[in-house]
Protein backbone atom coordinates (compact mmCIF):
# COMPACT_ATOMS: atom_id res chain seq x y z
CA UNK A 1 49.54 130.00 105.81
CA UNK A 2 53.22 130.98 106.88
CA UNK A 3 55.48 130.13 104.15
CA UNK A 4 58.23 127.29 105.07
CA UNK A 5 61.63 128.31 106.43
CA UNK A 6 64.19 128.00 103.62
CA UNK A 7 66.94 125.69 104.12
CA UNK A 8 70.16 126.99 105.32
CA UNK A 9 72.76 127.06 102.86
CA UNK A 10 76.41 126.45 103.04
CA UNK A 11 75.94 126.09 106.87
CA UNK A 12 79.02 123.79 107.43
CA UNK A 13 81.28 126.45 105.66
CA UNK A 14 80.07 128.94 108.04
CA UNK A 15 80.79 126.69 111.14
CA UNK A 16 84.68 126.32 109.75
CA UNK A 17 87.08 127.81 112.26
CA UNK A 18 90.54 129.30 111.05
CA UNK A 19 92.00 126.06 112.76
CA UNK A 20 89.77 123.97 110.25
CA UNK A 21 90.82 125.89 107.06
CA UNK A 22 94.48 125.21 108.19
CA UNK A 23 93.78 121.41 108.58
CA UNK A 24 92.32 121.67 104.67
CA UNK A 25 95.74 122.70 103.70
CA UNK A 26 97.06 119.25 105.50
CA UNK A 27 94.59 117.30 103.30
CA UNK A 28 95.36 119.28 100.17
CA UNK A 29 99.05 118.54 100.43
CA UNK A 30 98.40 115.05 101.04
CA UNK A 31 96.31 114.94 97.95
CA UNK A 32 98.80 116.70 96.09
CA UNK A 33 101.37 114.16 97.05
CA UNK A 34 99.38 111.27 95.56
CA UNK A 35 98.91 113.28 92.00
CA UNK A 36 102.81 113.78 92.10
CA UNK A 37 103.25 109.83 92.58
CA UNK A 38 100.97 109.26 89.81
CA UNK A 39 103.30 111.60 87.58
CA UNK A 40 106.40 109.76 88.39
CA UNK A 41 104.71 106.60 87.52
CA UNK A 42 103.61 108.17 84.30
CA UNK A 43 106.90 109.77 83.21
CA UNK A 44 109.75 108.47 85.40
CA UNK A 45 110.88 111.83 86.33
CA UNK A 46 112.20 111.60 89.99
CA UNK A 47 111.54 115.07 90.55
CA UNK A 48 107.87 114.00 91.29
CA UNK A 49 108.92 111.75 94.10
CA UNK A 50 110.71 114.76 95.48
CA UNK A 51 107.50 116.72 95.05
CA UNK A 52 105.48 114.16 96.75
CA UNK A 53 107.68 113.83 99.67
CA UNK A 54 108.22 117.64 99.99
CA UNK A 55 104.10 117.90 100.17
CA UNK A 56 103.82 115.30 102.94
CA UNK A 57 106.27 117.61 104.82
CA UNK A 58 104.13 120.54 103.96
CA UNK A 59 101.10 118.66 105.27
CA UNK A 60 102.87 117.79 108.61
CA UNK A 61 103.58 121.83 108.83
CA UNK A 62 99.75 122.41 108.66
CA UNK A 63 99.02 119.52 111.05
CA UNK A 64 101.15 121.33 113.66
CA UNK A 65 99.89 124.57 113.11
CA UNK A 66 96.13 123.77 113.23
CA UNK A 67 96.47 122.76 116.94
CA UNK A 68 98.43 126.15 117.34
CA UNK A 69 95.85 128.10 115.87
CA UNK A 70 92.93 126.50 117.90
CA UNK A 71 94.70 127.02 120.97
CA UNK A 72 95.34 130.64 120.16
CA UNK A 73 91.76 131.11 119.31
CA UNK A 74 90.50 128.93 122.22
CA UNK A 75 88.36 127.28 119.54
CA UNK A 76 87.94 123.40 119.20
CA UNK A 77 85.22 121.35 117.97
CA UNK A 78 84.39 117.53 117.07
CA UNK A 79 84.27 118.96 113.48
CA UNK A 80 87.78 120.10 113.69
CA UNK A 81 88.72 116.62 115.48
CA UNK A 82 87.10 114.65 112.65
CA UNK A 83 88.61 116.88 109.79
CA UNK A 84 91.94 116.45 111.20
CA UNK A 85 91.79 112.69 111.32
CA UNK A 86 90.47 112.90 107.87
CA UNK A 87 93.36 114.71 106.56
CA UNK A 88 95.75 112.72 108.49
CA UNK A 89 94.89 109.49 106.96
CA UNK A 90 95.39 110.88 103.43
CA UNK A 91 98.72 112.96 104.15
CA UNK A 92 100.42 110.18 106.68
CA UNK A 93 98.68 107.00 105.73
CA UNK A 94 97.64 106.77 102.05
CA UNK A 95 100.39 109.24 100.53
CA UNK A 96 103.36 107.52 102.26
CA UNK A 97 102.17 103.97 101.07
CA UNK A 98 101.43 105.36 97.67
CA UNK A 99 105.01 107.13 97.50
CA UNK A 100 106.52 103.76 98.76
CA UNK A 101 104.61 101.60 95.70
CA UNK A 102 105.79 104.48 93.35
CA UNK A 103 109.48 104.11 94.47
CA UNK A 104 109.11 100.18 93.71
CA UNK A 105 107.44 98.50 96.37
CA UNK A 106 104.94 96.86 93.96
CA UNK A 107 105.16 93.12 94.71
CA UNK A 108 101.93 91.09 96.06
CA UNK A 109 103.39 91.07 99.57
CA UNK A 110 104.42 94.73 99.42
CA UNK A 111 100.85 95.91 98.94
CA UNK A 112 99.54 93.63 101.55
CA UNK A 113 102.08 95.35 103.90
CA UNK A 114 101.14 98.76 102.68
CA UNK A 115 97.59 97.96 103.23
CA UNK A 116 98.10 96.83 106.62
CA UNK A 117 100.00 99.92 107.26
CA UNK A 118 97.11 102.21 106.06
CA UNK A 119 94.41 100.33 108.10
CA UNK A 120 96.67 100.54 111.12
CA UNK A 121 96.66 104.25 110.78
CA UNK A 122 92.90 104.45 110.13
CA UNK A 123 92.43 102.21 113.54
CA UNK A 124 94.93 104.39 115.22
CA UNK A 125 92.94 107.60 114.77
CA UNK A 126 89.54 106.04 115.25
CA UNK A 127 90.88 104.71 118.64
CA UNK A 128 92.03 108.27 119.66
CA UNK A 129 88.94 109.97 118.40
CA UNK A 130 86.59 107.55 120.77
CA UNK A 131 89.22 107.80 123.48
CA UNK A 132 90.03 111.12 123.41
CA UNK A 133 87.56 112.39 126.20
CA UNK A 134 88.76 109.53 128.36
CA UNK A 135 92.53 110.28 127.92
CA UNK A 136 91.91 113.80 128.58
CA UNK A 137 90.73 112.96 132.20
CA UNK A 138 88.19 115.54 132.05
CA UNK A 139 90.25 118.43 130.89
CA UNK A 140 90.72 120.12 127.31
CA UNK A 141 93.81 118.41 126.63
CA UNK A 142 94.88 114.77 125.99
CA UNK A 143 97.58 113.94 128.30
CA UNK A 144 99.41 111.18 126.05
CA UNK A 145 98.96 109.44 123.00
CA UNK A 146 98.15 105.46 122.97
CA UNK A 147 100.56 104.29 120.08
CA UNK A 148 102.61 106.16 117.80
CA UNK A 149 100.82 109.17 116.22
CA UNK A 150 100.35 108.80 112.38
CA UNK A 151 102.38 111.76 111.37
CA UNK A 152 105.53 109.78 112.40
CA UNK A 153 105.49 108.26 109.05
CA UNK A 154 107.30 111.25 107.89
CA UNK A 155 110.33 109.39 108.69
CA UNK A 156 109.77 106.70 106.16
CA UNK A 157 108.66 109.43 103.67
CA UNK A 158 112.16 111.05 104.46
CA UNK A 159 113.65 107.69 104.17
CA UNK A 160 112.06 107.17 100.61
CA UNK A 161 113.21 110.69 99.40
CA UNK A 162 116.96 109.89 100.40
CA UNK A 163 116.39 106.68 98.55
CA UNK A 164 115.20 108.35 95.36
CA UNK A 165 118.34 111.05 95.70
CA UNK A 166 120.65 107.91 95.54
CA UNK A 167 118.88 106.20 92.51
CA UNK A 168 117.59 103.50 94.95
CA UNK A 169 113.95 103.24 93.44
CA UNK A 170 112.45 100.61 91.17
CA UNK A 171 115.01 97.77 90.74
CA UNK A 172 117.68 99.53 92.73
CA UNK A 173 115.51 99.66 95.90
CA UNK A 174 117.51 99.40 99.17
CA UNK A 175 117.64 95.61 100.42
CA UNK A 176 116.63 94.23 96.88
CA UNK A 177 113.70 91.70 96.63
CA UNK A 178 112.91 88.15 97.79
CA UNK A 179 110.58 85.64 96.07
CA UNK A 180 108.49 83.80 98.12
CA UNK A 181 105.76 81.38 96.76
CA UNK A 182 106.22 82.85 93.42
CA UNK A 183 105.42 86.55 94.75
CA UNK A 184 107.71 89.42 95.32
CA UNK A 185 108.81 91.04 98.69
CA UNK A 186 110.79 94.04 99.05
CA UNK A 187 112.38 93.79 102.64
CA UNK A 188 112.39 97.74 103.01
CA UNK A 189 108.47 97.43 103.02
CA UNK A 190 108.81 95.60 106.52
CA UNK A 191 109.68 99.11 107.87
CA UNK A 192 106.04 100.10 107.08
CA UNK A 193 104.83 96.92 108.83
CA UNK A 194 106.67 98.14 112.02
CA UNK A 195 105.48 101.68 111.68
CA UNK A 196 101.75 100.41 111.42
CA UNK A 197 102.19 97.77 114.23
CA UNK A 198 103.59 100.60 116.38
CA UNK A 199 100.56 102.88 115.80
CA UNK A 200 98.19 100.24 116.91
CA UNK A 201 100.19 99.33 120.12
CA UNK A 202 99.16 100.18 123.43
CA UNK A 203 102.63 102.37 124.00
CA UNK A 204 101.93 105.56 125.84
CA UNK A 205 103.47 108.46 124.29
CA UNK A 206 103.21 111.81 126.31
CA UNK A 207 101.56 114.76 124.33
CA UNK A 208 103.54 117.91 124.61
């Protein structure tokens, strides 16, 4: 009786292309940003906010490079696309929201807005993945984005880095705070609501 074929091991790793490893760099940077914010909340050293923001910027570099590497090698796959989306939601969705929380947007309404922002990012990426084939019109490249791409949250991260450099974090956050129904809202968090809403909008943005 012939022996059973042994199961393949590490097959997923063997399927990874160079671009996929670059995408993992994106995810690693985003995760590092989360740990940096936790360090800031633990010891209050503002340098950790700078590290977190710098790591999101590094994630953006990896996000740009993975597409260039894929085009250079003429290799792309559904695995790569899903991997890119998962990395993006960490680096440009969860990380900016957690940085905002660390900088002082910790009221109930703030958290609702930040959760909304992340949910919009997830929805935006899911919509793109399921409509990418239709948007490419039969070609290999998507012609335009529907809604602003989630990496545009780097603008918010840059703003928070600037605020931290000027000591405008915690109780000194730009715009102050207001009490509504016994709960706190920091008006600055509304920029995240705007960003999230633009992500899920039907605005068509050409992809270069």
